[in-house]
C-alpha atoms as a PDB file:
ATOM      1  CA  MET A   1      62.976  15.787 -86.214  1.00  0.00           C
ATOM      2  CA  SER A   2      66.903  15.967 -84.494  1.00  0.00           C
ATOM      3  CA  GLY A   3      66.782  19.825 -84.326  1.00  0.00           C
ATOM      4  CA  ASP A   4      63.615  19.734 -81.255  1.00  0.00           C
ATOM      5  CA  LEU A   5      66.418  16.604 -79.621  1.00  0.00           C
ATOM      6  CA  ILE A   6      67.177  17.654 -76.041  1.00  0.00           C
ATOM      7  CA  GLU A   7      69.319  15.316 -75.480  1.00  0.00           C
ATOM      8  CA  SER A   8      70.818  12.009 -77.820  1.00  0.00           C
ATOM      9  CA  PHE A   9      73.637   9.570 -77.075  1.00  0.00           C
ATOM     10  CA  LEU A  10      75.103   6.845 -77.503  1.00  0.00           C
ATOM     11  CA  LEU A  11      74.438   3.620 -74.154  1.00  0.00           C
ATOM     12  CA  GLU A  12      77.020   1.479 -73.681  1.00  0.00           C
ATOM     13  CA  PRO A  13      76.761  -2.597 -73.525  1.00  0.00           C
ATOM     14  CA  ALA A  14      76.142  -3.532 -69.919  1.00  0.00           C
ATOM     15  CA  THR A  15      76.155   0.537 -68.841  1.00  0.00           C
ATOM     16  CA  GLY A  16      73.180   3.679 -67.303  1.00  0.00           C
ATOM     17  CA  ARG A  17      72.301   6.332 -67.400  1.00  0.00           C
ATOM     18  CA  ALA A  18      69.974   8.179 -65.330  1.00  0.00           C
ATOM     19  CA  ILE A  19      67.405  10.378 -67.222  1.00  0.00           C
ATOM     20  CA  PRO A  20      65.053  13.467 -65.936  1.00  0.00           C
ATOM     21  CA  LEU A  21      62.430  13.565 -67.926  1.00  0.00           C
ATOM     22  CA  GLN A  22      59.399  16.052 -67.528  1.00  0.00           C
ATOM     23  CA  ARG A  23      55.982  15.598 -67.831  1.00  0.00           C
ATOM     24  CA  GLY A  24      55.256  15.545 -71.677  1.00  0.00           C
ATOM     25  CA  GLN A  25      58.502  14.782 -73.025  1.00  0.00           C
ATOM     26  CA  VAL A  26      59.287  10.717 -74.857  1.00  0.00           C
ATOM     27  CA  LEU A  27      62.336   8.874 -74.323  1.00  0.00           C
ATOM     28  CA  CYS A  28      63.121   6.643 -77.313  1.00  0.00           C
ATOM     29  CA  VAL A  29      65.438   4.099 -77.492  1.00  0.00           C
ATOM     30  CA  GLU A  30      66.594   2.395 -80.472  1.00  0.00           C
ATOM     31  CA  GLN A  31      68.433  -1.297 -80.929  1.00  0.00           C
ATOM     32  CA  ALA A  32      71.943   0.127 -81.882  1.00  0.00           C
ATOM     33  CA  GLY A  33      72.410  -3.195 -83.075  1.00  0.00           C
ATOM     34  CA  ASN A  34      70.644  -6.320 -83.095  1.00  0.00           C
ATOM     35  CA  GLY A  35      68.651  -8.059 -79.740  1.00  0.00           C
ATOM     36  CA  GLN A  36      69.709  -5.683 -77.281  1.00  0.00           C
ATOM     37  CA  CYS A  37      67.568  -5.577 -74.144  1.00  0.00           C
ATOM     38  CA  LEU A  38      66.718  -2.466 -72.126  1.00  0.00           C
ATOM     39  CA  ASP A  39      65.803  -2.699 -68.224  1.00  0.00           C
ATOM     40  CA  PHE A  40      63.944  -0.149 -66.711  1.00  0.00           C
ATOM     41  CA  ASN A  41      63.557   2.291 -64.182  1.00  0.00           C
ATOM     42  CA  ALA A  42      61.395   4.535 -63.069  1.00  0.00           C
ATOM     43  CA  TYR A  43      60.957   7.297 -60.030  1.00  0.00           C
ATOM     44  CA  ASN A  44      58.975  10.441 -59.454  1.00  0.00           C
ATOM     45  CA  LEU A  45      61.323  13.249 -59.944  1.00  0.00           C
ATOM     46  CA  HIS A  46      59.396  14.560 -56.748  1.00  0.00           C
ATOM     47  CA  ASP A  47      59.473  11.524 -54.719  1.00  0.00           C
ATOM     48  CA  TYR A  48      61.759   8.751 -55.191  1.00  0.00           C
ATOM     49  CA  LYS A  49      59.803   6.377 -53.047  1.00  0.00           C
ATOM     50  CA  GLU A  50      57.101   6.332 -55.919  1.00  0.00           C
ATOM     51  CA  GLN A  51      59.074   4.229 -58.370  1.00  0.00           C
ATOM     52  CA  PHE A  52      57.926   1.964 -61.309  1.00  0.00           C
ATOM     53  CA  HIS A  53      56.134  -1.279 -60.952  1.00  0.00           C
ATOM     54  CA  SER A  54      56.056  -4.490 -62.653  1.00  0.00           C
ATOM     55  CA  GLY A  55      53.543  -6.017 -61.003  1.00  0.00           C
ATOM     56  CA  ARG A  56      51.150  -3.465 -60.984  1.00  0.00           C
ATOM     57  CA  THR A  57      51.388  -3.185 -64.787  1.00  0.00           C
ATOM     58  CA  ARG A  58      51.433  -6.694 -65.114  1.00  0.00           C
ATOM     59  CA  GLY A  59      48.587  -6.623 -63.312  1.00  0.00           C
ATOM     60  CA  LEU A  60      46.993  -3.888 -65.673  1.00  0.00           C
ATOM     61  CA  HIS A  61      47.974  -4.732 -69.337  1.00  0.00           C
ATOM     62  CA  GLY A  62      49.399  -8.003 -69.062  1.00  0.00           C
ATOM     63  CA  ILE A  63      52.944 -10.069 -69.461  1.00  0.00           C
ATOM     64  CA  ASN A  64      53.929  -8.525 -71.935  1.00  0.00           C
ATOM     65  CA  PRO A  65      52.711  -4.602 -72.425  1.00  0.00           C
ATOM     66  CA  ARG A  66      52.138  -2.586 -75.078  1.00  0.00           C
ATOM     67  CA  VAL A  67      51.304   0.440 -76.897  1.00  0.00           C
ATOM     68  CA  GLY A  68      48.899   2.187 -75.878  1.00  0.00           C
ATOM     69  CA  ASP A  69      49.516   1.134 -72.504  1.00  0.00           C
ATOM     70  CA  HIS A  70      50.646   2.127 -69.319  1.00  0.00           C
ATOM     71  CA  LEU A  71      53.800   2.055 -66.709  1.00  0.00           C
ATOM     72  CA  TRP A  72      52.010   1.798 -63.760  1.00  0.00           C
ATOM     73  CA  SER A  73      54.067   2.748 -60.461  1.00  0.00           C
ATOM     74  CA  ALA A  74      53.964   0.982 -56.956  1.00  0.00           C
ATOM     75  CA  PRO A  75      50.862   0.534 -54.626  1.00  0.00           C
ATOM     76  CA  PRO A  76      50.076   2.775 -52.669  1.00  0.00           C
ATOM     77  CA  ARG A  77      50.819   5.727 -55.004  1.00  0.00           C
ATOM     78  CA  GLU A  78      49.145   3.385 -58.392  1.00  0.00           C
ATOM     79  CA  ARG A  79      49.461   5.756 -60.853  1.00  0.00           C
ATOM     80  CA  PRO A  80      50.524   6.320 -64.987  1.00  0.00           C
ATOM     81  CA  MET A  81      54.398   7.036 -65.140  1.00  0.00           C
ATOM     82  CA  PHE A  82      55.186   6.273 -68.959  1.00  0.00           C
ATOM     83  CA  THR A  83      52.768   4.995 -71.863  1.00  0.00           C
ATOM     84  CA  ILE A  84      53.943   3.537 -74.437  1.00  0.00           C
ATOM     85  CA  LEU A  85      54.001   5.522 -77.683  1.00  0.00           C
ATOM     86  CA  ARG A  86      55.746   3.325 -80.454  1.00  0.00           C
ATOM     87  CA  ASP A  87      56.658  -0.505 -80.567  1.00  0.00           C
ATOM     88  CA  ASP A  88      58.392  -1.592 -83.328  1.00  0.00           C
ATOM     89  CA  VAL A  89      59.410  -4.813 -82.219  1.00  0.00           C
ATOM     90  CA  GLY A  90      56.671  -6.331 -79.805  1.00  0.00           C
ATOM     91  CA  ALA A  91      58.539  -8.137 -77.287  1.00  0.00           C
ATOM     92  CA  ASN A  92      58.571  -6.579 -74.014  1.00  0.00           C
ATOM     93  CA  ASP A  93      58.385  -7.863 -70.255  1.00  0.00           C
ATOM     94  CA  VAL A  94      57.039  -7.270 -66.909  1.00  0.00           C
ATOM     95  CA  ASN A  95      57.687 -10.845 -65.514  1.00  0.00           C
ATOM     96  CA  PHE A  96      61.486 -11.764 -65.113  1.00  0.00           C
ATOM     97  CA  SER A  97      63.444  -8.974 -62.279  1.00  0.00           C
ATOM     98  CA  ARG A  98      66.792  -8.082 -63.504  1.00  0.00           C
ATOM     99  CA  CYS A  99      69.826 -10.071 -63.248  1.00  0.00           C
ATOM    100  CA  SER A 100      72.046  -9.717 -60.603  1.00  0.00           C
ATOM    101  CA  ALA A 101      76.195 -10.567 -59.899  1.00  0.00           C
ATOM    102  CA  PHE A 102      74.469 -13.189 -57.692  1.00  0.00           C
ATOM    103  CA  LEU A 103      72.849 -14.953 -60.607  1.00  0.00           C
ATOM    104  CA  TYR A 104      76.073 -15.306 -62.837  1.00  0.00           C
ATOM    105  CA  GLU A 105      77.376 -16.600 -59.691  1.00  0.00           C
ATOM    106  CA  ALA A 106      75.257 -19.128 -59.093  1.00  0.00           C
ATOM    107  CA  HIS A 107      73.805 -20.391 -61.946  1.00  0.00           C
ATOM    108  CA  TYR A 108      76.920 -20.265 -64.250  1.00  0.00           C
ATOM    109  CA  GLY A 109      79.199 -20.294 -61.905  1.00  0.00           C
ATOM    110  CA  PHE A 110      81.159 -17.085 -62.615  1.00  0.00           C
ATOM    111  CA  ASP A 111      83.143 -16.190 -59.025  1.00  0.00           C
ATOM    112  CA  SER A 112      85.456 -13.952 -59.885  1.00  0.00           C
ATOM    113  CA  GLY A 113      86.973 -11.269 -58.184  1.00  0.00           C
ATOM    114  CA  ILE A 114      84.984  -8.869 -60.841  1.00  0.00           C
ATOM    115  CA  ALA A 115      81.462  -8.808 -60.647  1.00  0.00           C
ATOM    116  CA  HIS A 116      79.825 -10.356 -64.495  1.00  0.00           C
ATOM    117  CA  SER A 117      78.018  -7.242 -65.740  1.00  0.00           C
ATOM    118  CA  ASN A 118      74.875  -7.178 -64.413  1.00  0.00           C
ATOM    119  CA  CYS A 119      71.571  -5.024 -64.234  1.00  0.00           C
ATOM    120  CA  HIS A 120      71.150  -4.719 -60.467  1.00  0.00           C
ATOM    121  CA  ASP A 121      74.406  -3.155 -60.219  1.00  0.00           C
ATOM    122  CA  ALA A 122      74.647  -1.057 -63.976  1.00  0.00           C
ATOM    123  CA  PHE A 123      70.850   0.163 -61.988  1.00  0.00           C
ATOM    124  CA  ALA A 124      72.635   0.844 -58.601  1.00  0.00           C
ATOM    125  CA  GLU A 125      75.770   2.680 -60.047  1.00  0.00           C
ATOM    126  CA  ALA A 126      73.418   4.169 -62.610  1.00  0.00           C
ATOM    127  CA  ILE A 127      71.377   6.236 -59.870  1.00  0.00           C
ATOM    128  CA  ARG A 128      74.497   6.549 -57.795  1.00  0.00           C
ATOM    129  CA  GLU A 129      74.047  10.259 -59.635  1.00  0.00           C
ATOM    130  CA  TRP A 130      71.565  10.851 -57.058  1.00  0.00           C
ATOM    131  CA  GLU A 131      71.816   9.601 -54.273  1.00  0.00           C
ATOM    132  CA  LEU A 132      70.345   6.796 -54.679  1.00  0.00           C
ATOM    133  CA  THR A 133      71.760   3.585 -53.025  1.00  0.00           C
ATOM    134  CA  PRO A 134      71.269  -0.207 -54.532  1.00  0.00           C
ATOM    135  CA  ASP A 135      68.867  -0.984 -52.013  1.00  0.00           C
ATOM    136  CA  ASP A 136      66.673   1.760 -54.408  1.00  0.00           C
ATOM    137  CA  VAL A 137      66.600  -0.472 -57.606  1.00  0.00           C
ATOM    138  CA  HIS A 138      63.306  -1.937 -58.206  1.00  0.00           C
ATOM    139  CA  ASP A 139      62.463  -4.755 -60.334  1.00  0.00           C
ATOM    140  CA  SER A 140      62.555  -3.717 -64.202  1.00  0.00           C
ATOM    141  CA  PHE A 141      60.421  -2.780 -67.627  1.00  0.00           C
ATOM    142  CA  ASN A 142      62.446  -4.998 -69.694  1.00  0.00           C
ATOM    143  CA  ALA A 143      61.860  -3.720 -73.426  1.00  0.00           C
ATOM    144  CA  PHE A 144      63.177  -6.145 -76.343  1.00  0.00           C
ATOM    145  CA  MET A 145      63.056  -9.222 -74.489  1.00  0.00           C
ATOM    146  CA  THR A 146      61.149 -12.466 -75.911  1.00  0.00           C
ATOM    147  CA  THR A 147      59.557 -14.553 -72.728  1.00  0.00           C
ATOM    148  CA  ARG A 148      56.918 -16.352 -72.399  1.00  0.00           C
ATOM    149  CA  ILE A 149      55.417 -19.104 -69.593  1.00  0.00           C
ATOM    150  CA  ASP A 150      55.856 -22.556 -70.680  1.00  0.00           C
ATOM    151  CA  SER A 151      54.836 -25.644 -68.360  1.00  0.00           C
ATOM    152  CA  GLY A 152      54.363 -23.119 -65.223  1.00  0.00           C
ATOM    153  CA  ARG A 153      57.938 -21.587 -66.081  1.00  0.00           C
ATOM    154  CA  LEU A 154      59.091 -17.804 -67.452  1.00  0.00           C
ATOM    155  CA  ARG A 155      61.871 -18.646 -71.198  1.00  0.00           C
ATOM    156  CA  ILE A 156      63.290 -16.343 -72.601  1.00  0.00           C
ATOM    157  CA  ASP A 157      63.939 -17.179 -75.985  1.00  0.00           C
ATOM    158  CA  ARG A 158      65.815 -15.226 -78.927  1.00  0.00           C
ATOM    159  CA  SER A 159      65.693 -11.271 -79.428  1.00  0.00           C
ATOM    160  CA  VAL A 160      63.810 -10.772 -83.055  1.00  0.00           C
ATOM    161  CA  ALA A 161      64.663  -6.867 -83.123  1.00  0.00           C
ATOM    162  CA  HIS A 162      66.268  -5.595 -85.219  1.00  0.00           C
ATOM    163  CA  ALA A 163      68.813  -2.552 -85.371  1.00  0.00           C
ATOM    164  CA  GLY A 164      66.862   0.773 -85.670  1.00  0.00           C
ATOM    165  CA  ALA A 165      63.883  -0.986 -84.041  1.00  0.00           C
ATOM    166  CA  ARG A 166      62.167   1.508 -81.836  1.00  0.00           C
ATOM    167  CA  LEU A 167      60.798   2.116 -78.598  1.00  0.00           C
ATOM    168  CA  GLU A 168      59.298   5.678 -77.620  1.00  0.00           C
ATOM    169  CA  LEU A 169      58.252   6.336 -73.880  1.00  0.00           C
ATOM    170  CA  LEU A 170      55.727   8.748 -72.934  1.00  0.00           C
ATOM    171  CA  ALA A 171      56.190  10.372 -69.107  1.00  0.00           C
ATOM    172  CA  GLN A 172      53.125  11.052 -67.938  1.00  0.00           C
ATOM    173  CA  MET A 173      54.950  12.960 -65.003  1.00  0.00           C
ATOM    174  CA  ASP A 174      58.420  14.386 -64.119  1.00  0.00           C
ATOM    175  CA  ALA A 175      60.118  11.225 -63.956  1.00  0.00           C
ATOM    176  CA  LEU A 176      64.032   9.919 -63.892  1.00  0.00           C
ATOM    177  CA  ALA A 177      63.793   7.824 -66.226  1.00  0.00           C
ATOM    178  CA  VAL A 178      66.769   4.763 -65.978  1.00  0.00           C
ATOM    179  CA  THR A 179      67.752   3.241 -68.601  1.00  0.00           C
ATOM    180  CA  VAL A 180      70.421  -0.036 -68.610  1.00  0.00           C
ATOM    181  CA  CYS A 181      71.958  -1.434 -71.642  1.00  0.00           C
ATOM    182  CA  CYS A 182      70.929  -5.490 -70.452  1.00  0.00           C
ATOM    183  CA  GLY A 183      74.827  -6.784 -69.870  1.00  0.00           C
ATOM    184  CA  GLY A 184      73.606 -10.304 -70.157  1.00  0.00           C
ATOM    185  CA  ASP A 185      75.565 -12.520 -72.855  1.00  0.00           C
ATOM    186  CA  LEU A 186      75.442 -15.493 -71.302  1.00  0.00           C
ATOM    187  CA  GLY A 187      71.912 -16.325 -72.368  1.00  0.00           C
ATOM    188  CA  ALA A 188      68.761 -15.691 -74.939  1.00  0.00           C
ATOM    189  CA  THR A 189      68.322 -12.035 -73.382  1.00  0.00           C
ATOM    190  CA  ASN A 190      70.490 -10.476 -75.989  1.00  0.00           C
ATOM    191  CA  ASN A 191      71.263 -13.431 -78.237  1.00  0.00           C
ATOM    192  CA  TYR A 192      74.638 -13.792 -76.629  1.00  0.00           C
ATOM    193  CA  GLU A 193      76.363 -10.701 -77.625  1.00  0.00           C
ATOM    194  CA  LEU A 194      75.904  -7.225 -75.862  1.00  0.00           C
ATOM    195  CA  LYS A 195      74.996  -3.750 -77.689  1.00  0.00           C
ATOM    196  CA  GLY A 196      74.431  -0.572 -77.577  1.00  0.00           C
ATOM    197  CA  LEU A 197      71.123   1.416 -76.909  1.00  0.00           C
ATOM    198  CA  LYS A 198      70.636   4.644 -78.772  1.00  0.00           C
ATOM    199  CA  ILE A 199      69.174   7.167 -76.416  1.00  0.00           C
ATOM    200  CA  GLU A 200      66.697  10.336 -77.097  1.00  0.00           C
ATOM    201  CA  VAL A 201      64.876  13.182 -75.902  1.00  0.00           C
ATOM    202  CA  ARG A 202      62.180  14.483 -77.045  1.00  0.00           C
ATOM    203  CA  PRO A 203      59.582  16.505 -76.697  1.00  0.00           C
ATOM    204  CA  ALA A 204      55.976  14.923 -77.111  1.00  0.00           C
ATOM    205  CA  SER A 205      53.974  16.276 -80.509  1.00  0.00           C
ATOM    206  CA  ALA A 206      50.565  17.788 -80.408  1.00  0.00           C
ATOM    207  CA  ALA A 207      49.117  14.567 -81.642  1.00  0.00           C
ATOM    208  CA  GLU A 208      51.570  12.853 -78.412  1.00  0.00           C
ATOM    209  CA  GLN A 209      50.388  15.218 -75.950  1.00  0.00           C
ATOM    210  CA  SER A 210      46.465  13.930 -76.256  1.00  0.00           C
ATOM    211  CA  CYS A 211      48.236  11.001 -74.624  1.00  0.00           C
ATOM    212  CA  LEU A 212      48.530  12.903 -71.428  1.00  0.00           C
ATOM    213  CA  ILE A 213      46.107  11.430 -68.945  1.00  0.00           C
ATOM    214  CA  ASP A 214      44.624  12.716 -65.489  1.00  0.00           C
ATOM    215  CA  VAL A 215      43.167   9.690 -63.421  1.00  0.00           C
ATOM    216  CA  THR A 216      42.919   9.281 -59.808  1.00  0.00           C
ATOM    217  CA  PHE A 217      41.229   7.481 -58.158  1.00  0.00           C
ATOM    218  CA  ARG A 218      40.247   8.794 -53.893  1.00  0.00           C
ATOM    219  CA  HIS A 219      42.666   5.655 -52.747  1.00  0.00           C
ATOM    220  CA  GLN A 220      45.640   6.294 -54.410  1.00  0.00           C
ATOM    221  CA  ARG A 221      47.695   7.364 -51.680  1.00  0.00           C
ATOM    222  CA  THR A 222      49.961  10.657 -51.206  1.00  0.00           C
ATOM    223  CA  ILE A 223      51.955  10.819 -48.507  1.00  0.00           C
ATOM    224  CA  ALA A 224      49.916  13.287 -46.667  1.00  0.00           C
ATOM    225  CA  ASP A 225      47.390   9.997 -46.402  1.00  0.00           C
ATOM    226  CA  PHE A 226      50.313   8.128 -43.995  1.00  0.00           C
ATOM    227  CA  ALA A 227      50.022   7.761 -40.989  1.00  0.00           C
ATOM    228  CA  ASN A 228      54.017   7.992 -40.878  1.00  0.00           C
ATOM    229  CA  ALA A 229      55.444   9.774 -43.172  1.00  0.00           C
ATOM    230  CA  THR A 230      59.169  10.260 -42.051  1.00  0.00           C
ATOM    231  CA  ILE A 231      62.137   7.932 -43.748  1.00  0.00           C
ATOM    232  CA  LYS A 232      64.027   5.840 -41.332  1.00  0.00           C
ATOM    233  CA  ALA A 233      67.448   7.139 -41.524  1.00  0.00           C
ATOM    234  CA  ASP A 234      69.239   3.990 -40.284  1.00  0.00           C
ATOM    235  CA  ARG A 235      68.844   0.559 -40.457  1.00  0.00           C
ATOM    236  CA  GLU A 236      67.232  -1.250 -37.830  1.00  0.00           C
ATOM    237  CA  LEU A 237      64.409  -2.053 -36.920  1.00  0.00           C
ATOM    238  CA  ARG A 238      62.172  -0.352 -33.474  1.00  0.00           C
ATOM    239  CA  ARG A 239      58.973  -1.114 -32.252  1.00  0.00           C
ATOM    240  CA  ALA A 240      57.674   2.215 -31.834  1.00  0.00           C
ATOM    241  CA  GLY A 241      56.109   2.499 -28.245  1.00  0.00           C
ATOM    242  CA  ASP A 242      53.543   4.734 -29.176  1.00  0.00           C
ATOM    243  CA  TYR A 243      52.219   2.384 -31.751  1.00  0.00           C
ATOM    244  CA  ARG A 244      48.055   1.189 -31.667  1.00  0.00           C
ATOM    245  CA  PRO A 245      47.160  -0.739 -34.800  1.00  0.00           C
ATOM    246  CA  HIS A 246      44.038   1.382 -36.857  1.00  0.00           C
ATOM    247  CA  TRP A 247      41.508  -1.058 -38.853  1.00  0.00           C
ATOM    248  CA  PRO A 248      39.204   0.924 -40.231  1.00  0.00           C
ATOM    249  CA  TRP A 249      38.007  -1.587 -42.194  1.00  0.00           C
ATOM    250  CA  ARG A 250      37.193  -3.827 -39.642  1.00  0.00           C
ATOM    251  CA  GLN A 251      33.549  -2.664 -38.915  1.00  0.00           C
ATOM    252  CA  ALA A 252      32.425  -2.811 -42.486  1.00  0.00           C
ATOM    253  CA  ILE A 253      34.032  -6.564 -42.396  1.00  0.00           C
ATOM    254  CA  SER A 254      32.070  -7.149 -38.849  1.00  0.00           C
ATOM    255  CA  THR A 255      28.723  -6.465 -40.182  1.00  0.00           C
ATOM    256  CA  CYS A 256      28.060  -8.292 -43.137  1.00  0.00           C
ATOM    257  CA  THR A 257      24.800 -10.555 -42.836  1.00  0.00           C
ATOM    258  CA  ARG A 258      23.756 -13.061 -45.063  1.00  0.00           C
ATOM    259  CA  ILE A 259      20.610 -13.245 -47.099  1.00  0.00           C
ATOM    260  CA  ASP A 260      18.309 -15.522 -48.648  1.00  0.00           C
ATOM    261  CA  VAL A 261      18.805 -16.147 -52.694  1.00  0.00           C
ATOM    262  CA  PRO A 262      15.140 -17.808 -54.111  1.00  0.00           C
ATOM    263  CA  LEU A 263      16.172 -19.897 -57.220  1.00  0.00           C
ATOM    264  CA  SER A 264      13.845 -21.245 -59.586  1.00  0.00           C
ATOM    265  CA  GLU A 265      13.880 -24.078 -60.693  1.00  0.00           C
ATOM    266  CA  ASP A 266      16.283 -23.599 -63.665  1.00  0.00           C
ATOM    267  CA  GLU A 267      19.147 -21.978 -61.607  1.00  0.00           C
ATOM    268  CA  GLN A 268      18.578 -24.662 -59.349  1.00  0.00           C
ATOM    269  CA  ALA A 269      19.447 -27.283 -62.207  1.00  0.00           C
ATOM    270  CA  ALA A 270      22.574 -24.870 -63.173  1.00  0.00           C
ATOM    271  CA  LEU A 271      23.810 -24.712 -59.519  1.00  0.00           C
ATOM    272  CA  GLU A 272      23.608 -28.501 -59.302  1.00  0.00           C
ATOM    273  CA  ARG A 273      25.562 -29.168 -62.053  1.00  0.00           C
ATOM    274  CA  ILE A 274      28.507 -26.455 -61.504  1.00  0.00           C
ATOM    275  CA  ALA A 275      28.603 -28.201 -57.902  1.00  0.00           C
ATOM    276  CA  ALA A 276      29.438 -31.959 -60.067  1.00  0.00           C
ATOM    277  CA  HIS A 277      31.841 -30.194 -61.546  1.00  0.00           C
ATOM    278  CA  PRO A 278      35.694 -31.479 -60.044  1.00  0.00           C
ATOM    279  CA  ARG A 279      36.380 -27.875 -60.157  1.00  0.00           C
ATOM    280  CA  PHE A 280      34.215 -27.155 -57.395  1.00  0.00           C
ATOM    281  CA  ARG A 281      34.043 -29.967 -55.121  1.00  0.00           C
ATOM    282  CA  HIS A 282      35.526 -27.953 -52.282  1.00  0.00           C
ATOM    283  CA  MET A 283      33.048 -25.655 -51.951  1.00  0.00           C
ATOM    284  CA  SER A 284      29.135 -25.757 -51.070  1.00  0.00           C
ATOM    285  CA  LYS A 285      26.341 -24.436 -52.964  1.00  0.00           C
ATOM    286  CA  PRO A 286      25.930 -21.019 -50.925  1.00  0.00           C
ATOM    287  CA  ASP A 287      29.845 -20.679 -52.092  1.00  0.00           C
ATOM    288  CA  ILE A 288      29.580 -21.760 -55.927  1.00  0.00           C
ATOM    289  CA  LEU A 289      27.092 -19.538 -55.762  1.00  0.00           C
ATOM    290  CA  ARG A 290      29.023 -16.251 -54.175  1.00  0.00           C
ATOM    291  CA  PHE A 291      31.523 -16.593 -56.220  1.00  0.00           C
ATOM    292  CA  ALA A 292      29.209 -16.828 -59.618  1.00  0.00           C
ATOM    293  CA  LEU A 293      27.668 -13.441 -58.773  1.00  0.00           C
ATOM    294  CA  PHE A 294      29.808 -11.343 -57.088  1.00  0.00           C
ATOM    295  CA  GLN A 295      33.006 -12.682 -60.664  1.00  0.00           C
ATOM    296  CA  ARG A 296      30.581 -10.810 -63.131  1.00  0.00           C
ATOM    297  CA  LEU A 297      30.269  -8.556 -61.061  1.00  0.00           C
ATOM    298  CA  GLU A 298      33.636  -7.904 -60.897  1.00  0.00           C
ATOM    299  CA  VAL A 299      34.200  -9.195 -64.911  1.00  0.00           C
ATOM    300  CA  ARG A 300      31.645  -6.186 -65.785  1.00  0.00           C
ATOM    301  CA  HIS A 301      32.953  -3.052 -63.385  1.00  0.00           C
ATOM    302  CA  ARG A 302      36.737  -4.339 -64.765  1.00  0.00           C
ATOM    303  CA  ALA A 303      35.231  -3.769 -68.710  1.00  0.00           C
ATOM    304  CA  GLY A 304      34.082  -0.273 -66.886  1.00  0.00           C
ATOM    305  CA  ILE A 305      36.575   1.374 -66.094  1.00  0.00           C
ATOM    306  CA  ALA A 306      39.542  -0.454 -68.830  1.00  0.00           C
ATOM    307  CA  GLU A 307      37.090   1.627 -70.878  1.00  0.00           C
ATOM    308  CA  ALA A 308      37.226   4.475 -68.555  1.00  0.00           C
ATOM    309  CA  LEU A 309      41.381   4.070 -69.011  1.00  0.00           C
ATOM    310  CA  ALA A 310      41.257   3.747 -72.887  1.00  0.00           C
ATOM    311  CA  LYS A 311      38.380   7.171 -73.956  1.00  0.00           C
ATOM    312  CA  LYS A 312      41.337   8.672 -71.028  1.00  0.00           C
ATOM    313  CA  GLU A 313      38.820   9.835 -68.864  1.00  0.00           C
ATOM    314  CA  LYS A 314      39.226  11.474 -64.824  1.00  0.00           C
ATOM    315  CA  ILE A 315      37.854   9.406 -62.560  1.00  0.00           C
ATOM    316  CA  THR A 316      36.529  10.695 -59.681  1.00  0.00           C
END
């Protein structure tokens, strides 16, 4: 309801806004017209180096995140930053990088003294309010963006987002949400026409609060785990005179031993058939056996982790 709104505004075409959210608040984005892409960056409000990571999100949820999926922060933090609560269109992308002034010059020959509207510059201007720089912009979560892979190449198709369609993101941590109304008008991203986006921030309902999760792993890093937690204040690189390499996992790797695995006649025959397949022509039979065993274990383990995440259990 409107009375519950914390903030509400129209994001004009080719502009951006950085919005602070507290854990348990919901960012709502609505189509003001038809077919307008939202580019989205996010930062931990208390540690800006923890940022949204399209790669980790893509690895965990696929190339087109949907309702129930999380937007994850980058390694080494790797925590859910937002959860998709509502998605009326079902066309989101974590493959394409944000557009930039360079792309419009390189691809379209746009070399005017004024840069073509683009998402990187819009992000940079929006986060400048929070004392961040263009170097702090990262690859975006592209909402309302229809994409596909065709013969190994990324493609953008016509947007199918309709007026009034909404996307709602639940903040899993205190975060700075950076919303950019994509300024791309020379491709299919926004159907060759720039529109605005309606932005709202509201508290989560009681039911939505149940979607807040606390998923922790031992090796999700914090600053306390860093051998060097100091952020460089200048730009020139120089070698640290007191640096000594530290590889704590080397001993475990160097002490691995091989074991003999007895195979039954049927298992031996199956191994022979696999070895004859063109896919495995460059692998020895022991390598094939190891590959098959660990791939099966990996599939089972991943299924267990996915089930635990779906149940919103705390993993320790």
